[in-house]
Amino acid sequence: MAAIAVPENTRVFLLDIEGTTTPITFVKEILFPFIRENLEEYLSAHWEEDECKQDVHLLKKQVKHTLLLSLDAVTESYVVVLLWFCGRVYPDVVPAIRCWRRGGLKVFIYSSGSVEAQKLLFGYSVEGHLLDLFDGHFDTNIGAKVESKSYENIAERIGCQPEEIMFLTDLAREAKAAEDAGVNVAVVVRPGNTELTGEERSRYRVITSFNQLKLSGNV
């Protein structure tokens, strides 16, 4: 796909995780099955350790907040909190973020996963320790990703106008909520992501790589 110009007034990139920075297949096909197969053994071996107790405490906070009621949902949240092995990010993500930061832009994460889980993912990624690339993290404590008010809350928290934010997500319903709040949006198409309709492709900026987004003067 062709290069897409980032609006000149952009001050902030706001990034989704699953299907945007991180392969959705990694989450669904590797992380979730791995934890289902190994959770009981891990807890039996490490239950009395302080680190394990802290992980469980963080999980309980996340489960309580998001009202996860099913065993599958609890298990899936737990895998992100434990993160036994390095998290994967798409190869275009880190170079693009570094480019944006050199251009003076700030970069934040907004995910339905807890802030603690986000920090584990990017703190132990296959690309190394990446937390220094981000200026902050948001989860559903700020509001649901499908509600426009959430993006207004984020703009207020950051200290900018909604139109100064560029939000990258793989889901059209999240893109719509952000757009309704005045946020600029690009929908990321990656392998395994939900297919966009023709109307959605026409409505939104669509990218397959972060490298397609060019700061003003660099297109």
N, C-alpha and C. Protein backbone atom coordinates (compact mmCIF):
# COMPACT_ATOMS: atom_id res chain seq x y z
N MET A 1 0.83 -1.19 0.00
CA MET A 1 0.00 0.00 0.00
C MET A 1 0.87 1.26 0.00
N ALA A 2 0.29 2.35 -0.46
CA ALA A 2 1.02 3.61 -0.57
C ALA A 2 1.22 4.25 0.79
N ALA A 3 2.16 5.20 0.83
CA ALA A 3 2.41 5.96 2.05
C ALA A 3 1.20 6.83 2.37
N ILE A 4 0.96 7.01 3.66
CA ILE A 4 -0.16 7.83 4.13
C ILE A 4 0.39 8.93 5.03
N ALA A 5 0.01 10.16 4.73
CA ALA A 5 0.50 11.30 5.50
C ALA A 5 -0.21 11.38 6.85
N VAL A 6 0.56 11.53 7.89
CA VAL A 6 0.00 11.77 9.21
C VAL A 6 -0.40 13.24 9.28
N PRO A 7 -1.62 13.54 9.77
CA PRO A 7 -2.05 14.94 9.85
C PRO A 7 -1.00 15.82 10.53
N GLU A 8 -0.81 17.03 10.00
CA GLU A 8 0.26 17.91 10.47
C GLU A 8 0.14 18.27 11.94
N ASN A 9 -1.09 18.31 12.45
CA ASN A 9 -1.26 18.73 13.84
C ASN A 9 -1.09 17.59 14.84
N THR A 10 -0.71 16.41 14.37
CA THR A 10 -0.57 15.25 15.25
C THR A 10 0.56 15.44 16.25
N ARG A 11 0.25 15.21 17.50
CA ARG A 11 1.26 15.28 18.57
C ARG A 11 1.47 13.93 19.25
N VAL A 12 0.48 13.03 19.07
CA VAL A 12 0.48 11.78 19.83
C VAL A 12 0.05 10.62 18.94
N PHE A 13 0.75 9.50 19.05
CA PHE A 13 0.27 8.23 18.51
C PHE A 13 -0.28 7.41 19.66
N LEU A 14 -1.47 6.86 19.46
CA LEU A 14 -2.12 5.99 20.44
C LEU A 14 -2.28 4.62 19.79
N LEU A 15 -1.69 3.59 20.39
CA LEU A 15 -1.60 2.29 19.75
C LEU A 15 -2.38 1.21 20.49
N ASP A 16 -3.18 0.48 19.75
CA ASP A 16 -3.77 -0.77 20.22
C ASP A 16 -2.66 -1.83 20.23
N ILE A 17 -2.90 -2.96 20.86
CA ILE A 17 -1.88 -4.02 20.88
C ILE A 17 -2.25 -5.19 19.97
N GLU A 18 -3.25 -5.98 20.37
CA GLU A 18 -3.57 -7.22 19.66
C GLU A 18 -4.02 -6.96 18.23
N GLY A 19 -3.27 -7.48 17.27
CA GLY A 19 -3.59 -7.28 15.87
C GLY A 19 -3.04 -5.99 15.30
N THR A 20 -2.40 -5.19 16.15
CA THR A 20 -1.85 -3.90 15.73
C THR A 20 -0.33 -3.87 15.92
N THR A 21 0.12 -4.00 17.17
CA THR A 21 1.57 -4.10 17.41
C THR A 21 2.01 -5.55 17.54
N THR A 22 1.08 -6.41 17.93
CA THR A 22 1.39 -7.80 18.24
C THR A 22 0.49 -8.73 17.45
N PRO A 23 1.03 -9.79 16.85
CA PRO A 23 0.20 -10.69 16.05
C PRO A 23 -0.95 -11.28 16.85
N ILE A 24 -2.14 -11.22 16.29
CA ILE A 24 -3.30 -11.80 16.95
C ILE A 24 -3.14 -13.30 17.06
N THR A 25 -2.41 -13.90 16.11
CA THR A 25 -2.17 -15.34 16.14
C THR A 25 -1.28 -15.72 17.31
N PHE A 26 -0.36 -14.82 17.69
CA PHE A 26 0.50 -15.07 18.85
C PHE A 26 -0.33 -15.18 20.11
N VAL A 27 -1.32 -14.31 20.24
CA VAL A 27 -2.16 -14.32 21.43
C VAL A 27 -3.07 -15.55 21.44
N LYS A 28 -3.73 -15.81 20.31
CA LYS A 28 -4.75 -16.86 20.27
C LYS A 28 -4.17 -18.26 20.11
N GLU A 29 -3.11 -18.39 19.32
CA GLU A 29 -2.61 -19.71 18.97
C GLU A 29 -1.43 -20.17 19.82
N ILE A 30 -0.74 -19.24 20.48
CA ILE A 30 0.43 -19.61 21.27
C ILE A 30 0.23 -19.34 22.76
N LEU A 31 -0.07 -18.08 23.10
CA LEU A 31 -0.18 -17.73 24.53
C LEU A 31 -1.31 -18.48 25.23
N PHE A 32 -2.53 -18.41 24.67
CA PHE A 32 -3.66 -19.01 25.36
C PHE A 32 -3.53 -20.53 25.49
N PRO A 33 -3.20 -21.26 24.42
CA PRO A 33 -3.02 -22.71 24.57
C PRO A 33 -1.90 -23.07 25.54
N PHE A 34 -0.82 -22.30 25.52
CA PHE A 34 0.31 -22.59 26.40
C PHE A 34 -0.10 -22.52 27.86
N ILE A 35 -0.82 -21.48 28.22
CA ILE A 35 -1.18 -21.33 29.62
C ILE A 35 -2.21 -22.37 30.04
N ARG A 36 -3.12 -22.74 29.14
CA ARG A 36 -4.11 -23.77 29.48
C ARG A 36 -3.41 -25.09 29.81
N GLU A 37 -2.32 -25.37 29.10
CA GLU A 37 -1.62 -26.63 29.28
C GLU A 37 -0.70 -26.62 30.51
N ASN A 38 -0.29 -25.44 30.97
CA ASN A 38 0.75 -25.36 31.99
C ASN A 38 0.36 -24.62 33.26
N LEU A 39 -0.83 -24.06 33.31
CA LEU A 39 -1.21 -23.22 34.44
C LEU A 39 -1.18 -23.97 35.77
N GLU A 40 -1.79 -25.15 35.82
CA GLU A 40 -1.87 -25.89 37.08
C GLU A 40 -0.49 -26.26 37.60
N GLU A 41 0.37 -26.73 36.70
CA GLU A 41 1.73 -27.11 37.10
C GLU A 41 2.51 -25.91 37.63
N TYR A 42 2.35 -24.76 36.96
CA TYR A 42 3.06 -23.56 37.38
C TYR A 42 2.62 -23.11 38.77
N LEU A 43 1.29 -23.08 38.98
CA LEU A 43 0.78 -22.62 40.27
C LEU A 43 1.21 -23.55 41.40
N SER A 44 1.21 -24.86 41.14
CA SER A 44 1.62 -25.83 42.16
C SER A 44 3.07 -25.62 42.57
N ALA A 45 3.90 -25.28 41.60
CA ALA A 45 5.34 -25.14 41.86
C ALA A 45 5.70 -23.80 42.48
N HIS A 46 4.91 -22.76 42.22
CA HIS A 46 5.34 -21.40 42.59
C HIS A 46 4.36 -20.66 43.50
N TRP A 47 3.32 -21.33 43.99
CA TRP A 47 2.25 -20.65 44.71
C TRP A 47 2.74 -19.85 45.91
N GLU A 48 3.76 -20.33 46.61
CA GLU A 48 4.22 -19.66 47.83
C GLU A 48 5.23 -18.55 47.55
N GLU A 49 5.63 -18.38 46.30
CA GLU A 49 6.62 -17.36 45.97
C GLU A 49 5.98 -15.98 45.88
N ASP A 50 6.70 -14.96 46.33
CA ASP A 50 6.16 -13.60 46.34
C ASP A 50 5.79 -13.13 44.94
N GLU A 51 6.62 -13.47 43.96
CA GLU A 51 6.34 -13.02 42.59
C GLU A 51 5.04 -13.62 42.07
N CYS A 52 4.81 -14.89 42.37
CA CYS A 52 3.57 -15.54 41.94
C CYS A 52 2.37 -14.90 42.64
N LYS A 53 2.51 -14.63 43.94
CA LYS A 53 1.42 -14.00 44.68
C LYS A 53 1.09 -12.62 44.10
N GLN A 54 2.12 -11.88 43.69
CA GLN A 54 1.90 -10.57 43.09
C GLN A 54 1.18 -10.71 41.75
N ASP A 55 1.58 -11.71 40.95
CA ASP A 55 0.91 -11.95 39.67
C ASP A 55 -0.57 -12.25 39.87
N VAL A 56 -0.87 -13.09 40.86
CA VAL A 56 -2.26 -13.43 41.14
C VAL A 56 -3.03 -12.21 41.60
N HIS A 57 -2.39 -11.38 42.41
CA HIS A 57 -3.03 -10.14 42.87
C HIS A 57 -3.38 -9.23 41.70
N LEU A 58 -2.45 -9.08 40.76
CA LEU A 58 -2.70 -8.25 39.58
C LEU A 58 -3.83 -8.83 38.74
N LEU A 59 -3.84 -10.15 38.62
CA LEU A 59 -4.91 -10.80 37.86
C LEU A 59 -6.27 -10.55 38.49
N LYS A 60 -6.34 -10.68 39.81
CA LYS A 60 -7.61 -10.46 40.50
C LYS A 60 -8.13 -9.05 40.26
N LYS A 61 -7.22 -8.08 40.28
CA LYS A 61 -7.62 -6.69 40.01
C LYS A 61 -8.20 -6.56 38.61
N GLN A 62 -7.53 -7.18 37.63
CA GLN A 62 -8.00 -7.08 36.25
C GLN A 62 -9.33 -7.79 36.07
N VAL A 63 -9.46 -8.97 36.65
CA VAL A 63 -10.71 -9.73 36.52
C VAL A 63 -11.86 -8.98 37.16
N LYS A 64 -11.63 -8.41 38.32
CA LYS A 64 -12.68 -7.66 39.00
C LYS A 64 -13.11 -6.47 38.18
N HIS A 65 -12.15 -5.78 37.58
CA HIS A 65 -12.48 -4.57 36.83
C HIS A 65 -13.26 -4.88 35.56
N THR A 66 -12.81 -5.89 34.82
CA THR A 66 -13.44 -6.18 33.53
C THR A 66 -14.59 -7.15 33.63
N LEU A 67 -14.87 -7.63 34.87
CA LEU A 67 -16.00 -8.53 35.11
C LEU A 67 -15.92 -9.79 34.25
N LEU A 68 -14.73 -10.40 34.23
CA LEU A 68 -14.56 -11.64 33.49
C LEU A 68 -15.16 -12.77 34.32
N LEU A 69 -16.16 -13.46 33.76
CA LEU A 69 -16.90 -14.44 34.54
C LEU A 69 -16.56 -15.88 34.17
N SER A 70 -16.11 -16.14 32.95
CA SER A 70 -15.88 -17.51 32.52
C SER A 70 -14.45 -17.94 32.83
N LEU A 71 -14.25 -19.24 32.96
CA LEU A 71 -12.92 -19.78 33.22
C LEU A 71 -11.98 -19.45 32.08
N ASP A 72 -12.46 -19.54 30.84
CA ASP A 72 -11.62 -19.23 29.69
C ASP A 72 -11.12 -17.80 29.76
N ALA A 73 -12.01 -16.88 30.13
CA ALA A 73 -11.63 -15.47 30.18
C ALA A 73 -10.58 -15.24 31.26
N VAL A 74 -10.77 -15.88 32.41
CA VAL A 74 -9.79 -15.74 33.49
C VAL A 74 -8.44 -16.31 33.05
N THR A 75 -8.48 -17.47 32.40
CA THR A 75 -7.24 -18.09 31.93
C THR A 75 -6.53 -17.20 30.93
N GLU A 76 -7.30 -16.61 30.02
CA GLU A 76 -6.70 -15.78 28.98
C GLU A 76 -6.11 -14.50 29.57
N SER A 77 -6.71 -13.96 30.60
CA SER A 77 -6.13 -12.80 31.25
C SER A 77 -4.84 -13.18 31.98
N TYR A 78 -4.87 -14.36 32.58
CA TYR A 78 -3.72 -14.79 33.37
C TYR A 78 -2.47 -14.98 32.53
N VAL A 79 -2.65 -15.45 31.31
CA VAL A 79 -1.48 -15.68 30.47
C VAL A 79 -0.76 -14.38 30.16
N VAL A 80 -1.50 -13.32 29.99
CA VAL A 80 -0.86 -12.04 29.68
C VAL A 80 -0.14 -11.51 30.91
N VAL A 81 -0.71 -11.76 32.08
CA VAL A 81 -0.07 -11.29 33.31
C VAL A 81 1.22 -12.06 33.58
N LEU A 82 1.20 -13.37 33.39
CA LEU A 82 2.39 -14.18 33.65
C LEU A 82 3.45 -13.99 32.57
N LEU A 83 3.02 -14.05 31.33
CA LEU A 83 3.91 -13.90 30.17
C LEU A 83 5.22 -14.66 30.35
N TRP A 84 5.12 -15.97 30.27
CA TRP A 84 6.28 -16.81 30.56
C TRP A 84 7.40 -16.65 29.55
N PHE A 85 7.07 -16.30 28.35
CA PHE A 85 8.13 -16.12 27.37
C PHE A 85 7.90 -14.83 26.63
N CYS A 86 8.92 -14.43 25.86
CA CYS A 86 8.94 -13.09 25.27
C CYS A 86 7.74 -12.80 24.39
N GLY A 87 7.23 -11.59 24.51
CA GLY A 87 6.13 -11.14 23.67
C GLY A 87 6.63 -10.76 22.29
N ARG A 88 5.82 -11.01 21.30
CA ARG A 88 6.20 -10.71 19.92
C ARG A 88 5.59 -9.38 19.48
N VAL A 89 6.34 -8.67 18.69
CA VAL A 89 5.82 -7.47 18.04
C VAL A 89 6.17 -7.57 16.56
N TYR A 90 5.35 -6.94 15.73
CA TYR A 90 5.64 -6.94 14.30
C TYR A 90 6.95 -6.20 14.03
N PRO A 91 7.71 -6.64 13.02
CA PRO A 91 9.04 -6.04 12.78
C PRO A 91 9.01 -4.57 12.39
N ASP A 92 7.88 -4.08 11.90
CA ASP A 92 7.79 -2.67 11.51
C ASP A 92 7.51 -1.74 12.68
N VAL A 93 7.12 -2.29 13.82
CA VAL A 93 6.62 -1.48 14.93
C VAL A 93 7.72 -0.64 15.58
N VAL A 94 8.79 -1.27 16.01
CA VAL A 94 9.83 -0.56 16.76
C VAL A 94 10.51 0.52 15.92
N PRO A 95 10.94 0.23 14.68
CA PRO A 95 11.56 1.29 13.87
C PRO A 95 10.63 2.48 13.64
N ALA A 96 9.34 2.21 13.43
CA ALA A 96 8.39 3.30 13.20
C ALA A 96 8.24 4.16 14.44
N ILE A 97 8.10 3.53 15.60
CA ILE A 97 7.95 4.29 16.84
C ILE A 97 9.18 5.15 17.09
N ARG A 98 10.34 4.60 16.85
CA ARG A 98 11.57 5.38 17.06
C ARG A 98 11.61 6.58 16.12
N CYS A 99 11.14 6.39 14.90
CA CYS A 99 11.07 7.49 13.94
C CYS A 99 10.12 8.57 14.42
N TRP A 100 8.95 8.16 14.91
CA TRP A 100 7.97 9.13 15.40
C TRP A 100 8.54 9.91 16.58
N ARG A 101 9.21 9.22 17.47
CA ARG A 101 9.76 9.90 18.64
C ARG A 101 10.87 10.88 18.24
N ARG A 102 11.66 10.50 17.26
CA ARG A 102 12.68 11.44 16.77
C ARG A 102 12.02 12.68 16.17
N GLY A 103 10.81 12.51 15.65
CA GLY A 103 10.06 13.64 15.10
C GLY A 103 9.35 14.46 16.15
N GLY A 104 9.52 14.10 17.43
CA GLY A 104 8.95 14.88 18.51
C GLY A 104 7.58 14.45 18.96
N LEU A 105 7.07 13.32 18.46
CA LEU A 105 5.75 12.85 18.84
C LEU A 105 5.83 11.93 20.06
N LYS A 106 4.76 11.92 20.83
CA LYS A 106 4.64 11.01 21.96
C LYS A 106 3.88 9.76 21.52
N VAL A 107 4.12 8.66 22.23
CA VAL A 107 3.49 7.39 21.88
C VAL A 107 2.92 6.76 23.15
N PHE A 108 1.63 6.41 23.09
CA PHE A 108 0.94 5.78 24.21
C PHE A 108 0.29 4.48 23.75
N ILE A 109 0.08 3.57 24.68
CA ILE A 109 -0.63 2.32 24.42
C ILE A 109 -2.02 2.41 25.03
N TYR A 110 -3.02 1.89 24.30
CA TYR A 110 -4.38 1.78 24.83
C TYR A 110 -4.90 0.39 24.50
N SER A 111 -5.05 -0.44 25.52
CA SER A 111 -5.45 -1.83 25.31
C SER A 111 -6.47 -2.24 26.35
N SER A 112 -7.26 -3.26 26.02
CA SER A 112 -8.20 -3.81 26.99
C SER A 112 -7.46 -4.63 28.05
N GLY A 113 -6.23 -5.03 27.75
CA GLY A 113 -5.41 -5.69 28.76
C GLY A 113 -4.92 -4.67 29.78
N SER A 114 -4.70 -5.12 31.00
CA SER A 114 -4.31 -4.20 32.07
C SER A 114 -2.98 -3.53 31.77
N VAL A 115 -2.77 -2.37 32.38
CA VAL A 115 -1.50 -1.66 32.23
C VAL A 115 -0.34 -2.55 32.67
N GLU A 116 -0.55 -3.31 33.75
CA GLU A 116 0.50 -4.21 34.23
C GLU A 116 0.88 -5.23 33.17
N ALA A 117 -0.13 -5.80 32.50
CA ALA A 117 0.12 -6.79 31.45
C ALA A 117 0.81 -6.16 30.25
N GLN A 118 0.40 -4.95 29.91
CA GLN A 118 1.04 -4.24 28.80
C GLN A 118 2.54 -4.06 29.06
N LYS A 119 2.86 -3.70 30.28
CA LYS A 119 4.27 -3.46 30.62
C LYS A 119 5.08 -4.75 30.59
N LEU A 120 4.45 -5.86 30.96
CA LEU A 120 5.13 -7.14 30.86
C LEU A 120 5.40 -7.50 29.40
N LEU A 121 4.40 -7.29 28.56
CA LEU A 121 4.54 -7.62 27.15
C LEU A 121 5.70 -6.86 26.50
N PHE A 122 5.72 -5.55 26.71
CA PHE A 122 6.75 -4.73 26.07
C PHE A 122 8.06 -4.70 26.86
N GLY A 123 8.00 -5.09 28.11
CA GLY A 123 9.22 -5.15 28.90
C GLY A 123 10.05 -6.40 28.62
N TYR A 124 9.37 -7.45 28.09
CA TYR A 124 10.05 -8.71 27.82
C TYR A 124 9.77 -9.18 26.40
N SER A 125 9.85 -8.28 25.45
CA SER A 125 9.54 -8.62 24.07
C SER A 125 10.73 -9.25 23.37
N VAL A 126 10.47 -9.85 22.22
CA VAL A 126 11.57 -10.43 21.43
C VAL A 126 12.50 -9.34 20.91
N GLU A 127 12.03 -8.09 20.91
CA GLU A 127 12.86 -6.96 20.49
C GLU A 127 13.63 -6.35 21.66
N GLY A 128 13.47 -6.96 22.84
CA GLY A 128 14.15 -6.44 24.02
C GLY A 128 13.21 -5.61 24.89
N HIS A 129 13.79 -4.83 25.76
CA HIS A 129 13.02 -3.99 26.68
C HIS A 129 12.57 -2.73 25.93
N LEU A 130 11.26 -2.60 25.73
CA LEU A 130 10.73 -1.53 24.88
C LEU A 130 9.96 -0.46 25.64
N LEU A 131 9.90 -0.55 26.93
CA LEU A 131 9.07 0.39 27.69
C LEU A 131 9.50 1.84 27.52
N ASP A 132 10.77 2.06 27.24
CA ASP A 132 11.25 3.43 27.06
C ASP A 132 10.68 4.08 25.80
N LEU A 133 10.08 3.29 24.92
CA LEU A 133 9.50 3.84 23.70
C LEU A 133 8.15 4.50 23.95
N PHE A 134 7.55 4.24 25.11
CA PHE A 134 6.19 4.70 25.37
C PHE A 134 6.15 5.76 26.47
N ASP A 135 5.28 6.73 26.26
CA ASP A 135 5.11 7.81 27.23
C ASP A 135 4.05 7.49 28.27
N GLY A 136 3.31 6.41 28.06
CA GLY A 136 2.29 6.02 29.02
C GLY A 136 1.41 4.91 28.49
N HIS A 137 0.56 4.40 29.37
CA HIS A 137 -0.30 3.26 29.04
C HIS A 137 -1.71 3.52 29.56
N PHE A 138 -2.69 3.08 28.79
CA PHE A 138 -4.09 3.17 29.21
C PHE A 138 -4.75 1.81 29.04
N ASP A 139 -5.65 1.47 29.97
CA ASP A 139 -6.47 0.28 29.83
C ASP A 139 -7.93 0.68 30.02
N THR A 140 -8.80 -0.27 30.28
CA THR A 140 -10.23 0.04 30.35
C THR A 140 -10.61 0.82 31.61
N ASN A 141 -9.66 1.10 32.49
CA ASN A 141 -9.95 2.02 33.59
C ASN A 141 -10.28 3.41 33.07
N ILE A 142 -9.77 3.74 31.89
CA ILE A 142 -10.05 5.05 31.28
C ILE A 142 -11.37 5.04 30.53
N GLY A 143 -11.90 3.82 30.28
CA GLY A 143 -13.14 3.66 29.53
C GLY A 143 -13.01 2.58 28.47
N ALA A 144 -14.15 2.08 28.00
CA ALA A 144 -14.16 1.03 26.99
C ALA A 144 -13.66 1.56 25.65
N LYS A 145 -13.01 0.72 24.88
CA LYS A 145 -12.41 1.15 23.62
C LYS A 145 -13.45 1.42 22.54
N VAL A 146 -14.67 0.97 22.75
CA VAL A 146 -15.73 1.20 21.76
C VAL A 146 -16.61 2.39 22.14
N GLU A 147 -16.19 3.16 23.13
CA GLU A 147 -16.94 4.34 23.56
C GLU A 147 -16.12 5.60 23.28
N SER A 148 -16.73 6.55 22.59
CA SER A 148 -15.99 7.75 22.20
C SER A 148 -15.50 8.55 23.40
N LYS A 149 -16.24 8.50 24.50
CA LYS A 149 -15.85 9.24 25.69
C LYS A 149 -14.47 8.81 26.19
N SER A 150 -14.12 7.56 25.97
CA SER A 150 -12.82 7.06 26.42
C SER A 150 -11.68 7.82 25.77
N TYR A 151 -11.84 8.14 24.50
CA TYR A 151 -10.79 8.84 23.76
C TYR A 151 -10.71 10.31 24.17
N GLU A 152 -11.85 10.87 24.54
CA GLU A 152 -11.85 12.22 25.10
C GLU A 152 -11.12 12.22 26.45
N ASN A 153 -11.37 11.17 27.24
CA ASN A 153 -10.68 11.06 28.53
C ASN A 153 -9.17 10.95 28.36
N ILE A 154 -8.76 10.17 27.36
CA ILE A 154 -7.33 10.00 27.10
C ILE A 154 -6.70 11.33 26.69
N ALA A 155 -7.36 12.04 25.79
CA ALA A 155 -6.84 13.34 25.35
C ALA A 155 -6.69 14.29 26.54
N GLU A 156 -7.68 14.29 27.40
CA GLU A 156 -7.62 15.15 28.59
C GLU A 156 -6.47 14.74 29.50
N ARG A 157 -6.31 13.43 29.68
CA ARG A 157 -5.24 12.93 30.55
C ARG A 157 -3.85 13.27 29.98
N ILE A 158 -3.71 13.15 28.67
CA ILE A 158 -2.42 13.45 28.03
C ILE A 158 -2.15 14.95 28.03
N GLY A 159 -3.24 15.73 27.89
CA GLY A 159 -3.08 17.17 27.81
C GLY A 159 -3.02 17.68 26.39
N CYS A 160 -3.85 17.10 25.52
CA CYS A 160 -3.90 17.54 24.13
C CYS A 160 -5.34 17.50 23.65
N GLN A 161 -5.58 17.97 22.44
CA GLN A 161 -6.89 17.90 21.83
C GLN A 161 -7.07 16.55 21.13
N PRO A 162 -8.30 16.02 21.06
CA PRO A 162 -8.50 14.74 20.37
C PRO A 162 -7.96 14.72 18.95
N GLU A 163 -8.10 15.84 18.24
CA GLU A 163 -7.64 15.88 16.85
C GLU A 163 -6.12 15.87 16.72
N GLU A 164 -5.42 15.97 17.85
CA GLU A 164 -3.96 15.89 17.83
C GLU A 164 -3.46 14.46 18.07
N ILE A 165 -4.40 13.53 18.16
CA ILE A 165 -4.06 12.12 18.39
C ILE A 165 -4.29 11.31 17.12
N MET A 166 -3.37 10.40 16.83
CA MET A 166 -3.52 9.43 15.75
C MET A 166 -3.62 8.05 16.39
N PHE A 167 -4.79 7.41 16.26
CA PHE A 167 -5.05 6.12 16.89
C PHE A 167 -4.92 5.01 15.86
N LEU A 168 -4.15 3.97 16.19
CA LEU A 168 -3.98 2.82 15.31
C LEU A 168 -4.63 1.60 15.96
N THR A 169 -5.55 0.97 15.25
CA THR A 169 -6.27 -0.20 15.76
C THR A 169 -6.59 -1.13 14.62
N ASP A 170 -6.90 -2.38 14.95
CA ASP A 170 -7.29 -3.34 13.92
C ASP A 170 -8.80 -3.48 13.80
N LEU A 171 -9.55 -2.84 14.68
CA LEU A 171 -11.00 -3.03 14.73
C LEU A 171 -11.75 -1.77 14.32
N ALA A 172 -12.66 -1.92 13.37
CA ALA A 172 -13.41 -0.78 12.85
C ALA A 172 -14.29 -0.15 13.91
N ARG A 173 -14.85 -0.96 14.81
CA ARG A 173 -15.73 -0.39 15.84
C ARG A 173 -14.95 0.50 16.81
N GLU A 174 -13.70 0.17 17.06
CA GLU A 174 -12.87 1.05 17.88
C GLU A 174 -12.49 2.30 17.10
N ALA A 175 -12.22 2.12 15.82
CA ALA A 175 -11.90 3.27 14.97
C ALA A 175 -13.05 4.26 14.94
N LYS A 176 -14.27 3.75 14.86
CA LYS A 176 -15.45 4.62 14.82
C LYS A 176 -15.59 5.41 16.12
N ALA A 177 -15.39 4.73 17.25
CA ALA A 177 -15.51 5.41 18.54
C ALA A 177 -14.48 6.53 18.65
N ALA A 178 -13.27 6.25 18.22
CA ALA A 178 -12.22 7.27 18.27
C ALA A 178 -12.53 8.42 17.33
N GLU A 179 -12.98 8.09 16.13
CA GLU A 179 -13.31 9.11 15.14
C GLU A 179 -14.44 10.00 15.63
N ASP A 180 -15.43 9.40 16.29
CA ASP A 180 -16.56 10.17 16.83
C ASP A 180 -16.10 11.17 17.89
N ALA A 181 -14.97 10.87 18.53
CA ALA A 181 -14.42 11.77 19.54
C ALA A 181 -13.53 12.84 18.93
N GLY A 182 -13.32 12.76 17.61
CA GLY A 182 -12.47 13.74 16.93
C GLY A 182 -11.04 13.30 16.73
N VAL A 183 -10.76 12.04 17.07
CA VAL A 183 -9.40 11.49 16.94
C VAL A 183 -9.17 11.03 15.50
N ASN A 184 -7.98 11.26 14.98
CA ASN A 184 -7.61 10.71 13.67
C ASN A 184 -7.31 9.23 13.81
N VAL A 185 -7.63 8.45 12.78
CA VAL A 185 -7.58 6.99 12.89
C VAL A 185 -6.95 6.37 11.66
N ALA A 186 -6.21 5.28 11.88
CA ALA A 186 -5.80 4.38 10.80
C ALA A 186 -6.09 2.96 11.27
N VAL A 187 -6.70 2.17 10.40
CA VAL A 187 -7.00 0.78 10.71
C VAL A 187 -5.89 -0.10 10.16
N VAL A 188 -5.37 -0.95 11.02
CA VAL A 188 -4.22 -1.79 10.67
C VAL A 188 -4.71 -3.16 10.21
N VAL A 189 -4.35 -3.54 9.01
CA VAL A 189 -4.71 -4.85 8.46
C VAL A 189 -3.50 -5.76 8.56
N ARG A 190 -3.64 -6.80 9.37
CA ARG A 190 -2.58 -7.79 9.57
C ARG A 190 -3.17 -9.19 9.34
N PRO A 191 -2.32 -10.19 9.09
CA PRO A 191 -2.81 -11.57 8.95
C PRO A 191 -3.58 -12.02 10.19
N GLY A 192 -4.78 -12.57 9.97
CA GLY A 192 -5.59 -13.06 11.08
C GLY A 192 -6.53 -12.04 11.68
N ASN A 193 -6.40 -10.77 11.31
CA ASN A 193 -7.29 -9.74 11.83
C ASN A 193 -8.69 -9.86 11.23
N THR A 194 -9.66 -9.27 11.89
CA THR A 194 -11.02 -9.24 11.37
C THR A 194 -11.06 -8.53 10.03
N GLU A 195 -11.70 -9.15 9.06
CA GLU A 195 -11.76 -8.59 7.71
C GLU A 195 -12.59 -7.31 7.70
N LEU A 196 -12.10 -6.29 7.01
CA LEU A 196 -12.84 -5.04 6.87
C LEU A 196 -13.81 -5.14 5.71
N THR A 197 -14.94 -4.48 5.84
CA THR A 197 -15.89 -4.40 4.73
C THR A 197 -15.40 -3.37 3.72
N GLY A 198 -15.99 -3.39 2.55
CA GLY A 198 -15.64 -2.40 1.54
C GLY A 198 -15.91 -0.99 2.03
N GLU A 199 -17.01 -0.82 2.74
CA GLU A 199 -17.35 0.50 3.27
C GLU A 199 -16.32 0.97 4.28
N GLU A 200 -15.86 0.05 5.14
CA GLU A 200 -14.86 0.41 6.15
C GLU A 200 -13.53 0.76 5.50
N ARG A 201 -13.17 0.05 4.45
CA ARG A 201 -11.93 0.36 3.74
C ARG A 201 -11.98 1.73 3.08
N SER A 202 -13.18 2.10 2.65
CA SER A 202 -13.34 3.42 2.02
C SER A 202 -13.35 4.54 3.05
N ARG A 203 -13.86 4.23 4.23
CA ARG A 203 -14.04 5.27 5.25
C ARG A 203 -12.74 5.63 5.97
N TYR A 204 -11.91 4.62 6.26
CA TYR A 204 -10.74 4.85 7.10
C TYR A 204 -9.43 4.78 6.32
N ARG A 205 -8.41 5.41 6.87
CA ARG A 205 -7.05 5.14 6.39
C ARG A 205 -6.76 3.68 6.73
N VAL A 206 -6.24 2.94 5.77
CA VAL A 206 -5.95 1.53 5.99
C VAL A 206 -4.47 1.28 5.71
N ILE A 207 -3.79 0.65 6.66
CA ILE A 207 -2.37 0.36 6.49
C ILE A 207 -2.11 -1.11 6.79
N THR A 208 -1.04 -1.64 6.23
CA THR A 208 -0.59 -2.99 6.55
C THR A 208 0.73 -2.96 7.32
N SER A 209 1.31 -1.78 7.45
CA SER A 209 2.58 -1.61 8.15
C SER A 209 2.66 -0.20 8.72
N PHE A 210 3.24 -0.07 9.89
CA PHE A 210 3.44 1.25 10.48
C PHE A 210 4.32 2.12 9.59
N ASN A 211 5.16 1.49 8.79
CA ASN A 211 6.09 2.24 7.94
C ASN A 211 5.38 3.07 6.88
N GLN A 212 4.12 2.77 6.62
CA GLN A 212 3.36 3.54 5.63
C GLN A 212 2.99 4.93 6.14
N LEU A 213 3.01 5.10 7.44
CA LEU A 213 2.63 6.39 8.03
C LEU A 213 3.83 7.33 8.01
N LYS A 214 3.70 8.43 7.31
CA LYS A 214 4.80 9.36 7.14
C LYS A 214 4.46 10.69 7.79
N LEU A 215 5.39 11.19 8.57
CA LEU A 215 5.20 12.50 9.19
C LEU A 215 5.24 13.58 8.13
N SER A 216 4.64 14.72 8.43
CA SER A 216 4.55 15.82 7.48
C SER A 216 5.92 16.17 6.92
N GLY A 217 5.99 16.25 5.58
CA GLY A 217 7.24 16.60 4.92
C GLY A 217 8.08 15.41 4.53
N ASN A 218 7.62 14.18 4.96
CA ASN A 218 8.41 12.99 4.67
C ASN A 218 7.72 12.02 3.72
N VAL A 219 6.57 12.42 3.16
CA VAL A 219 5.84 11.52 2.27
C VAL A 219 6.54 11.45 0.93
